[in-house]
Full PDB file with SEQRES, HELIX, SHEET, SSBOND, CRYST1, ORIGX, SCALE, CONECT and MASTER records, all heavy atoms in Angstrom:
SEQRES   1 A   32  TYR ASN HIS ARG PHE GLY SER THR ALA ILE GLN PRO GLY          
SEQRES   2 A   32  ASP VAL LEU VAL LEU ARG PRO ASP PRO SER VAL PRO TRP          
SEQRES   3 A   32  PHE ASP TYR SER SER PRO                                      
CRYST1    1.000    1.000    1.000  90.00  90.00  90.00 P 1           1          
ORIGX1      1.000000  0.000000  0.000000        0.00000                         
ORIGX2      0.000000  1.000000  0.000000        0.00000                         
ORIGX3      0.000000  0.000000  1.000000        0.00000                         
SCALE1      1.000000  0.000000  0.000000        0.00000                         
SCALE2      0.000000  1.000000  0.000000        0.00000                         
SCALE3      0.000000  0.000000  1.000000        0.00000                         
ATOM      1  N   TYR A   1      91.990 100.938 106.218  1.00  0.00           N  
ATOM      2  CA  TYR A   1      92.027 100.870 107.682  1.00  0.00           C  
ATOM      3  C   TYR A   1      92.060 102.271 108.291  1.00  0.00           C  
ATOM      4  O   TYR A   1      91.441 102.524 109.329  1.00  0.00           O  
ATOM      5  CB  TYR A   1      93.230 100.069 108.162  1.00  0.00           C  
ATOM      6  CG  TYR A   1      93.248  99.917 109.669  1.00  0.00           C  
ATOM      7  CD1 TYR A   1      92.445  98.959 110.290  1.00  0.00           C  
ATOM      8  CD2 TYR A   1      93.995 100.777 110.471  1.00  0.00           C  
ATOM      9  CE1 TYR A   1      92.412  98.856 111.678  1.00  0.00           C  
ATOM     10  CE2 TYR A   1      93.966 100.680 111.850  1.00  0.00           C  
ATOM     11  CZ  TYR A   1      93.171  99.717 112.448  1.00  0.00           C  
ATOM     12  OH  TYR A   1      93.128  99.630 113.816  1.00  0.00           O  
ATOM     13  N   ASN A   2      92.779 103.177 107.637  1.00  0.00           N  
ATOM     14  CA  ASN A   2      92.930 104.536 108.157  1.00  0.00           C  
ATOM     15  C   ASN A   2      91.869 105.505 107.626  1.00  0.00           C  
ATOM     16  O   ASN A   2      91.992 106.716 107.800  1.00  0.00           O  
ATOM     17  CB  ASN A   2      94.325 105.061 107.818  1.00  0.00           C  
ATOM     18  CG  ASN A   2      95.412 104.390 108.637  1.00  0.00           C  
ATOM     19  OD1 ASN A   2      95.713 104.803 109.752  1.00  0.00           O  
ATOM     20  ND2 ASN A   2      96.006 103.345 108.078  1.00  0.00           N  
ATOM     21  N   HIS A   3      90.849 104.960 106.956  1.00  0.00           N  
ATOM     22  CA  HIS A   3      89.755 105.784 106.439  1.00  0.00           C  
ATOM     23  C   HIS A   3      90.231 106.833 105.449  1.00  0.00           C  
ATOM     24  O   HIS A   3      89.703 107.945 105.381  1.00  0.00           O  
ATOM     25  CB  HIS A   3      88.999 106.469 107.585  1.00  0.00           C  
ATOM     26  CG  HIS A   3      88.464 105.526 108.607  1.00  0.00           C  
ATOM     27  ND1 HIS A   3      88.589 105.750 109.956  1.00  0.00           N  
ATOM     28  CD2 HIS A   3      87.829 104.331 108.490  1.00  0.00           C  
ATOM     29  CE1 HIS A   3      88.045 104.746 110.625  1.00  0.00           C  
ATOM     30  NE2 HIS A   3      87.570 103.878 109.749  1.00  0.00           N  
ATOM     31  N   ARG A   4      91.235 106.463 104.650  1.00  0.00           N  
ATOM     32  CA  ARG A   4      91.703 107.337 103.579  1.00  0.00           C  
ATOM     33  C   ARG A   4      91.479 106.592 102.273  1.00  0.00           C  
ATOM     34  O   ARG A   4      91.802 105.406 102.172  1.00  0.00           O  
ATOM     35  CB  ARG A   4      93.187 107.670 103.682  1.00  0.00           C  
ATOM     36  CG  ARG A   4      93.734 108.337 104.952  1.00  0.00           C  
ATOM     37  CD  ARG A   4      92.855 109.314 105.652  1.00  0.00           C  
ATOM     38  NE  ARG A   4      93.604 110.108 106.621  1.00  0.00           N  
ATOM     39  CZ  ARG A   4      93.667 109.836 107.923  1.00  0.00           C  
ATOM     40  NH1 ARG A   4      93.066 108.780 108.422  1.00  0.00           N  
ATOM     41  NH2 ARG A   4      94.343 110.644 108.731  1.00  0.00           N  
ATOM     42  N   PHE A   5      90.960 107.284 101.266  1.00  0.00           N  
ATOM     43  CA  PHE A   5      90.630 106.614 100.019  1.00  0.00           C  
ATOM     44  C   PHE A   5      91.223 107.378  98.849  1.00  0.00           C  
ATOM     45  O   PHE A   5      90.906 108.539  98.634  1.00  0.00           O  
ATOM     46  CB  PHE A   5      89.112 106.481  99.870  1.00  0.00           C  
ATOM     47  CG  PHE A   5      88.480 105.796 101.047  1.00  0.00           C  
ATOM     48  CD1 PHE A   5      87.927 106.520 102.084  1.00  0.00           C  
ATOM     49  CD2 PHE A   5      88.482 104.416 101.125  1.00  0.00           C  
ATOM     50  CE1 PHE A   5      87.364 105.891 103.180  1.00  0.00           C  
ATOM     51  CE2 PHE A   5      87.918 103.771 102.218  1.00  0.00           C  
ATOM     52  CZ  PHE A   5      87.365 104.500 103.244  1.00  0.00           C  
ATOM     53  N   GLY A   6      92.096 106.716  98.101  1.00  0.00           N  
ATOM     54  CA  GLY A   6      92.761 107.366  96.980  1.00  0.00           C  
ATOM     55  C   GLY A   6      94.068 108.007  97.405  1.00  0.00           C  
ATOM     56  O   GLY A   6      94.252 108.383  98.568  1.00  0.00           O  
ATOM     57  N   SER A   7      94.980 108.142  96.473  1.00  0.00           N  
ATOM     58  CA  SER A   7      96.321 108.629  96.806  1.00  0.00           C  
ATOM     59  C   SER A   7      96.338 110.080  97.269  1.00  0.00           C  
ATOM     60  O   SER A   7      97.297 110.542  97.868  1.00  0.00           O  
ATOM     61  CB  SER A   7      97.245 108.461  95.592  1.00  0.00           C  
ATOM     62  OG  SER A   7      96.750 109.209  94.498  1.00  0.00           O  
ATOM     63  N   THR A   8      95.286 110.846  96.977  1.00  0.00           N  
ATOM     64  CA  THR A   8      95.269 112.260  97.371  1.00  0.00           C  
ATOM     65  C   THR A   8      94.476 112.504  98.647  1.00  0.00           C  
ATOM     66  O   THR A   8      94.312 113.649  99.065  1.00  0.00           O  
ATOM     67  CB  THR A   8      94.666 113.119  96.239  1.00  0.00           C  
ATOM     68  OG1 THR A   8      93.310 112.700  95.996  1.00  0.00           O  
ATOM     69  CG2 THR A   8      95.470 112.982  94.963  1.00  0.00           C  
ATOM     70  N   ALA A   9      93.970 111.447  99.269  1.00  0.00           N  
ATOM     71  CA  ALA A   9      93.114 111.612 100.449  1.00  0.00           C  
ATOM     72  C   ALA A   9      93.917 111.896 101.711  1.00  0.00           C  
ATOM     73  O   ALA A   9      93.369 112.380 102.693  1.00  0.00           O  
ATOM     74  CB  ALA A   9      92.253 110.376 100.658  1.00  0.00           C  
ATOM     75  N   ILE A  10      95.205 111.587 101.717  1.00  0.00           N  
ATOM     76  CA  ILE A  10      96.017 111.827 102.905  1.00  0.00           C  
ATOM     77  C   ILE A  10      96.468 113.280 102.943  1.00  0.00           C  
ATOM     78  O   ILE A  10      96.581 113.937 101.916  1.00  0.00           O  
ATOM     79  CB  ILE A  10      97.232 110.883 102.943  1.00  0.00           C  
ATOM     80  CG1 ILE A  10      98.065 111.009 101.669  1.00  0.00           C  
ATOM     81  CG2 ILE A  10      96.781 109.446 103.144  1.00  0.00           C  
ATOM     82  CD1 ILE A  10      99.330 110.173 101.669  1.00  0.00           C  
ATOM     83  N   GLN A  11      96.730 113.765 104.162  1.00  0.00           N  
ATOM     84  CA  GLN A  11      97.142 115.147 104.353  1.00  0.00           C  
ATOM     85  C   GLN A  11      98.406 115.192 105.195  1.00  0.00           C  
ATOM     86  O   GLN A  11      98.613 114.330 106.063  1.00  0.00           O  
ATOM     87  CB  GLN A  11      96.038 115.946 105.048  1.00  0.00           C  
ATOM     88  CG  GLN A  11      94.721 115.996 104.301  1.00  0.00           C  
ATOM     89  CD  GLN A  11      94.814 116.746 102.994  1.00  0.00           C  
ATOM     90  OE1 GLN A  11      95.589 117.700 102.880  1.00  0.00           O  
ATOM     91  NE2 GLN A  11      94.041 116.327 101.998  1.00  0.00           N  
ATOM     92  N   PRO A  12      99.283 116.173 104.972  1.00  0.00           N  
ATOM     93  CA  PRO A  12     100.483 116.299 105.813  1.00  0.00           C  
ATOM     94  C   PRO A  12     100.103 116.352 107.290  1.00  0.00           C  
ATOM     95  O   PRO A  12      99.162 117.047 107.674  1.00  0.00           O  
ATOM     96  CB  PRO A  12     101.103 117.627 105.350  1.00  0.00           C  
ATOM     97  CG  PRO A  12     100.651 117.759 103.927  1.00  0.00           C  
ATOM     98  CD  PRO A  12      99.244 117.201 103.907  1.00  0.00           C  
ATOM     99  N   GLY A  13     100.821 115.597 108.083  1.00  0.00           N  
ATOM    100  CA  GLY A  13     100.532 115.533 109.510  1.00  0.00           C  
ATOM    101  C   GLY A  13      99.697 114.344 109.910  1.00  0.00           C  
ATOM    102  O   GLY A  13      99.639 113.986 111.098  1.00  0.00           O  
ATOM    103  N   ASP A  14      99.025 113.709 108.943  1.00  0.00           N  
ATOM    104  CA  ASP A  14      98.258 112.503 109.254  1.00  0.00           C  
ATOM    105  C   ASP A  14      99.193 111.420 109.784  1.00  0.00           C  
ATOM    106  O   ASP A  14     100.293 111.218 109.250  1.00  0.00           O  
ATOM    107  CB  ASP A  14      97.558 111.957 108.002  1.00  0.00           C  
ATOM    108  CG  ASP A  14      96.348 112.777 107.595  1.00  0.00           C  
ATOM    109  OD1 ASP A  14      95.940 113.653 108.378  1.00  0.00           O  
ATOM    110  OD2 ASP A  14      95.822 112.530 106.493  1.00  0.00           O  
ATOM    111  N   VAL A  15      98.760 110.720 110.823  1.00  0.00           N  
ATOM    112  CA  VAL A  15      99.531 109.600 111.348  1.00  0.00           C  
ATOM    113  C   VAL A  15      98.804 108.316 110.951  1.00  0.00           C  
ATOM    114  O   VAL A  15      97.737 108.000 111.492  1.00  0.00           O  
ATOM    115  CB  VAL A  15      99.678 109.685 112.881  1.00  0.00           C  
ATOM    116  CG1 VAL A  15     100.473 108.486 113.399  1.00  0.00           C  
ATOM    117  CG2 VAL A  15     100.373 110.994 113.276  1.00  0.00           C  
ATOM    118  N   LEU A  16      99.355 107.601 109.989  1.00  0.00           N  
ATOM    119  CA  LEU A  16      98.732 106.381 109.485  1.00  0.00           C  
ATOM    120  C   LEU A  16      99.170 105.175 110.303  1.00  0.00           C  
ATOM    121  O   LEU A  16     100.372 104.991 110.561  1.00  0.00           O  
ATOM    122  CB  LEU A  16      99.112 106.165 108.018  1.00  0.00           C  
ATOM    123  CG  LEU A  16      98.779 107.294 107.038  1.00  0.00           C  
ATOM    124  CD1 LEU A  16      99.258 106.918 105.643  1.00  0.00           C  
ATOM    125  CD2 LEU A  16      97.289 107.587 107.040  1.00  0.00           C  
ATOM    126  N   VAL A  17      98.205 104.369 110.683  1.00  0.00           N  
ATOM    127  CA  VAL A  17      98.517 103.119 111.381  1.00  0.00           C  
ATOM    128  C   VAL A  17      98.889 102.074 110.337  1.00  0.00           C  
ATOM    129  O   VAL A  17      98.101 101.758 109.448  1.00  0.00           O  
ATOM    130  CB  VAL A  17      97.319 102.634 112.215  1.00  0.00           C  
ATOM    131  CG1 VAL A  17      97.612 101.258 112.821  1.00  0.00           C  
ATOM    132  CG2 VAL A  17      96.983 103.639 113.311  1.00  0.00           C  
ATOM    133  N   LEU A  18     100.090 101.526 110.446  1.00  0.00           N  
ATOM    134  CA  LEU A  18     100.544 100.478 109.538  1.00  0.00           C  
ATOM    135  C   LEU A  18     100.453  99.097 110.186  1.00  0.00           C  
ATOM    136  O   LEU A  18     100.348  98.095 109.485  1.00  0.00           O  
ATOM    137  CB  LEU A  18     101.998 100.734 109.113  1.00  0.00           C  
ATOM    138  CG  LEU A  18     102.285 102.082 108.450  1.00  0.00           C  
ATOM    139  CD1 LEU A  18     103.762 102.172 108.081  1.00  0.00           C  
ATOM    140  CD2 LEU A  18     101.411 102.293 107.218  1.00  0.00           C  
ATOM    141  N   ARG A  19     100.517  99.070 111.511  1.00  0.00           N  
ATOM    142  CA  ARG A  19     100.416  97.807 112.255  1.00  0.00           C  
ATOM    143  C   ARG A  19      99.257  97.932 113.250  1.00  0.00           C  
ATOM    144  O   ARG A  19      99.436  98.400 114.378  1.00  0.00           O  
ATOM    145  CB  ARG A  19     101.711  97.507 113.001  1.00  0.00           C  
ATOM    146  CG  ARG A  19     101.712  96.157 113.754  1.00  0.00           C  
ATOM    147  CD  ARG A  19     102.987  95.984 114.570  1.00  0.00           C  
ATOM    148  NE  ARG A  19     104.169  96.114 113.744  1.00  0.00           N  
ATOM    149  CZ  ARG A  19     104.686  95.117 113.032  1.00  0.00           C  
ATOM    150  NH1 ARG A  19     104.140  93.921 113.077  1.00  0.00           N  
ATOM    151  NH2 ARG A  19     105.759  95.312 112.296  1.00  0.00           N  
ATOM    152  N   PRO A  20      98.046  97.535 112.864  1.00  0.00           N  
ATOM    153  CA  PRO A  20      96.907  97.654 113.779  1.00  0.00           C  
ATOM    154  C   PRO A  20      97.085  96.793 115.031  1.00  0.00           C  
ATOM    155  O   PRO A  20      97.726  95.735 114.992  1.00  0.00           O  
ATOM    156  CB  PRO A  20      95.729  97.147 112.938  1.00  0.00           C  
ATOM    157  CG  PRO A  20      96.180  97.267 111.520  1.00  0.00           C  
ATOM    158  CD  PRO A  20      97.656  97.012 111.544  1.00  0.00           C  
ATOM    159  N   ASP A  21      96.511  97.260 116.114  1.00  0.00           N  
ATOM    160  CA  ASP A  21      96.449  96.490 117.354  1.00  0.00           C  
ATOM    161  C   ASP A  21      95.129  95.715 117.331  1.00  0.00           C  
ATOM    162  O   ASP A  21      94.063  96.320 117.391  1.00  0.00           O  
ATOM    163  CB  ASP A  21      96.485  97.446 118.546  1.00  0.00           C  
ATOM    164  CG  ASP A  21      96.464  96.732 119.882  1.00  0.00           C  
ATOM    165  OD1 ASP A  21      96.120  95.527 119.917  1.00  0.00           O  
ATOM    166  OD2 ASP A  21      96.768  97.379 120.898  1.00  0.00           O  
ATOM    167  N   PRO A  22      95.176  94.366 117.242  1.00  0.00           N  
ATOM    168  CA  PRO A  22      93.938  93.582 117.135  1.00  0.00           C  
ATOM    169  C   PRO A  22      93.004  93.724 118.339  1.00  0.00           C  
ATOM    170  O   PRO A  22      91.835  93.348 118.250  1.00  0.00           O  
ATOM    171  CB  PRO A  22      94.451  92.131 117.014  1.00  0.00           C  
ATOM    172  CG  PRO A  22      95.836  92.263 116.484  1.00  0.00           C  
ATOM    173  CD  PRO A  22      96.376  93.518 117.118  1.00  0.00           C  
ATOM    174  N   SER A  23      93.506  94.277 119.443  1.00  0.00           N  
ATOM    175  CA  SER A  23      92.646  94.454 120.617  1.00  0.00           C  
ATOM    176  C   SER A  23      91.867  95.766 120.558  1.00  0.00           C  
ATOM    177  O   SER A  23      91.016  96.026 121.414  1.00  0.00           O  
ATOM    178  CB  SER A  23      93.488  94.423 121.901  1.00  0.00           C  
ATOM    179  OG  SER A  23      94.333  95.566 121.986  1.00  0.00           O  
ATOM    180  N   VAL A  24      92.139  96.587 119.546  1.00  0.00           N  
ATOM    181  CA  VAL A  24      91.487  97.896 119.415  1.00  0.00           C  
ATOM    182  C   VAL A  24      90.378  97.816 118.373  1.00  0.00           C  
ATOM    183  O   VAL A  24      90.618  97.393 117.242  1.00  0.00           O  
ATOM    184  CB  VAL A  24      92.510  98.971 119.006  1.00  0.00           C  
ATOM    185  CG1 VAL A  24      91.812 100.300 118.741  1.00  0.00           C  
ATOM    186  CG2 VAL A  24      93.572  99.134 120.092  1.00  0.00           C  
ATOM    187  N   PRO A  25      89.143  98.218 118.716  1.00  0.00           N  
ATOM    188  CA  PRO A  25      88.044  98.166 117.742  1.00  0.00           C  
ATOM    189  C   PRO A  25      88.314  99.055 116.534  1.00  0.00           C  
ATOM    190  O   PRO A  25      88.937 100.112 116.653  1.00  0.00           O  
ATOM    191  CB  PRO A  25      86.835  98.682 118.539  1.00  0.00           C  
ATOM    192  CG  PRO A  25      87.208  98.535 119.974  1.00  0.00           C  
ATOM    193  CD  PRO A  25      88.698  98.716 120.031  1.00  0.00           C  
ATOM    194  N   TRP A  26      87.827  98.615 115.371  1.00  0.00           N  
ATOM    195  CA  TRP A  26      87.907  99.429 114.153  1.00  0.00           C  
ATOM    196  C   TRP A  26      86.500  99.825 113.759  1.00  0.00           C  
ATOM    197  O   TRP A  26      85.579  99.013 113.786  1.00  0.00           O  
ATOM    198  CB  TRP A  26      88.558  98.625 113.028  1.00  0.00           C  
ATOM    199  CG  TRP A  26      88.642  99.374 111.727  1.00  0.00           C  
ATOM    200  CD1 TRP A  26      89.618 100.253 111.358  1.00  0.00           C  
ATOM    201  CD2 TRP A  26      87.725  99.318 110.625  1.00  0.00           C  
ATOM    202  NE1 TRP A  26      89.372 100.743 110.098  1.00  0.00           N  
ATOM    203  CE2 TRP A  26      88.212 100.187 109.623  1.00  0.00           C  
ATOM    204  CE3 TRP A  26      86.540  98.617 110.389  1.00  0.00           C  
ATOM    205  CZ2 TRP A  26      87.565 100.372 108.402  1.00  0.00           C  
ATOM    206  CZ3 TRP A  26      85.886  98.802 109.181  1.00  0.00           C  
ATOM    207  CH2 TRP A  26      86.401  99.663 108.206  1.00  0.00           C  
ATOM    208  N   PHE A  27      86.331 101.100 113.381  1.00  0.00           N  
ATOM    209  CA  PHE A  27      85.013 101.607 113.031  1.00  0.00           C  
ATOM    210  C   PHE A  27      84.950 101.909 111.539  1.00  0.00           C  
ATOM    211  O   PHE A  27      85.802 102.613 111.001  1.00  0.00           O  
ATOM    212  CB  PHE A  27      84.699 102.878 113.822  1.00  0.00           C  
ATOM    213  CG  PHE A  27      84.845 102.709 115.309  1.00  0.00           C  
ATOM    214  CD1 PHE A  27      85.831 103.381 116.008  1.00  0.00           C  
ATOM    215  CD2 PHE A  27      84.009 101.847 116.000  1.00  0.00           C  
ATOM    216  CE1 PHE A  27      85.972 103.210 117.368  1.00  0.00           C  
ATOM    217  CE2 PHE A  27      84.140 101.671 117.362  1.00  0.00           C  
ATOM    218  CZ  PHE A  27      85.119 102.346 118.052  1.00  0.00           C  
ATOM    219  N   ASP A  28      83.931 101.384 110.893  1.00  0.00           N  
ATOM    220  CA  ASP A  28      83.708 101.655 109.479  1.00  0.00           C  
ATOM    221  C   ASP A  28      83.432 103.138 109.296  1.00  0.00           C  
ATOM    222  O   ASP A  28      82.638 103.734 110.027  1.00  0.00           O  
ATOM    223  CB  ASP A  28      82.517 100.830 108.977  1.00  0.00           C  
ATOM    224  CG  ASP A  28      82.399 100.836 107.462  1.00  0.00           C  
ATOM    225  OD1 ASP A  28      82.584 101.911 106.861  1.00  0.00           O  
ATOM    226  OD2 ASP A  28      82.118  99.779 106.891  1.00  0.00           O  
ATOM    227  N   TYR A  29      84.079 103.767 108.322  1.00  0.00           N  
ATOM    228  CA  TYR A  29      83.919 105.194 108.090  1.00  0.00           C  
ATOM    229  C   TYR A  29      82.546 105.524 107.512  1.00  0.00           C  
ATOM    230  O   TYR A  29      82.036 106.621 107.685  1.00  0.00           O  
ATOM    231  CB  TYR A  29      85.003 105.681 107.131  1.00  0.00           C  
ATOM    232  CG  TYR A  29      84.999 107.167 106.879  1.00  0.00           C  
ATOM    233  CD1 TYR A  29      85.502 108.048 107.841  1.00  0.00           C  
ATOM    234  CD2 TYR A  29      84.504 107.703 105.701  1.00  0.00           C  
ATOM    235  CE1 TYR A  29      85.496 109.415 107.618  1.00  0.00           C  
ATOM    236  CE2 TYR A  29      84.507 109.073 105.467  1.00  0.00           C  
ATOM    237  CZ  TYR A  29      85.002 109.923 106.440  1.00  0.00           C  
ATOM    238  OH  TYR A  29      84.999 111.274 106.223  1.00  0.00           O  
ATOM    239  N   SER A  30      81.933 104.564 106.811  1.00  0.00           N  
ATOM    240  CA  SER A  30      80.669 104.840 106.136  1.00  0.00           C  
ATOM    241  C   SER A  30      79.481 104.851 107.080  1.00  0.00           C  
ATOM    242  O   SER A  30      78.590 105.694 106.973  1.00  0.00           O  
ATOM    243  CB  SER A  30      80.424 103.812 105.027  1.00  0.00           C  
ATOM    244  OG  SER A  30      81.433 103.883 104.053  1.00  0.00           O  
ATOM    245  N   SER A  31      79.452 103.894 108.010  1.00  0.00           N  
ATOM    246  CA  SER A  31      78.326 103.806 108.939  1.00  0.00           C  
ATOM    247  C   SER A  31      78.701 102.862 110.071  1.00  0.00           C  
ATOM    248  O   SER A  31      79.603 102.039 109.929  1.00  0.00           O  
ATOM    249  CB  SER A  31      77.074 103.275 108.229  1.00  0.00           C  
ATOM    250  OG  SER A  31      77.272 101.932 107.801  1.00  0.00           O  
ATOM    251  N   PRO A  32      78.017 102.959 111.222  1.00  0.00           N  
ATOM    252  CA  PRO A  32      78.262 102.026 112.313  1.00  0.00           C  
ATOM    253  C   PRO A  32      77.968 100.600 111.867  1.00  0.00           C  
ATOM    254  O   PRO A  32      77.176 100.364 110.950  1.00  0.00           O  
ATOM    255  CB  PRO A  32      77.277 102.482 113.406  1.00  0.00           C  
ATOM    256  CG  PRO A  32      76.946 103.878 113.054  1.00  0.00           C  
ATOM    257  CD  PRO A  32      76.997 103.955 111.566  1.00  0.00           C  
TER     258      PRO A  32                                                      
MASTER        0    0    0    0    0    0    0    6  257    1    0    3          
END                                                                             
């Protein structure tokens, strides 16, 4: 959901969404 893949993909300072808001669109990281 947060467009992070693998345990090393996250970086300090990243704010990960754990509870998505269903009213907010989600965009695929690979392509529209």
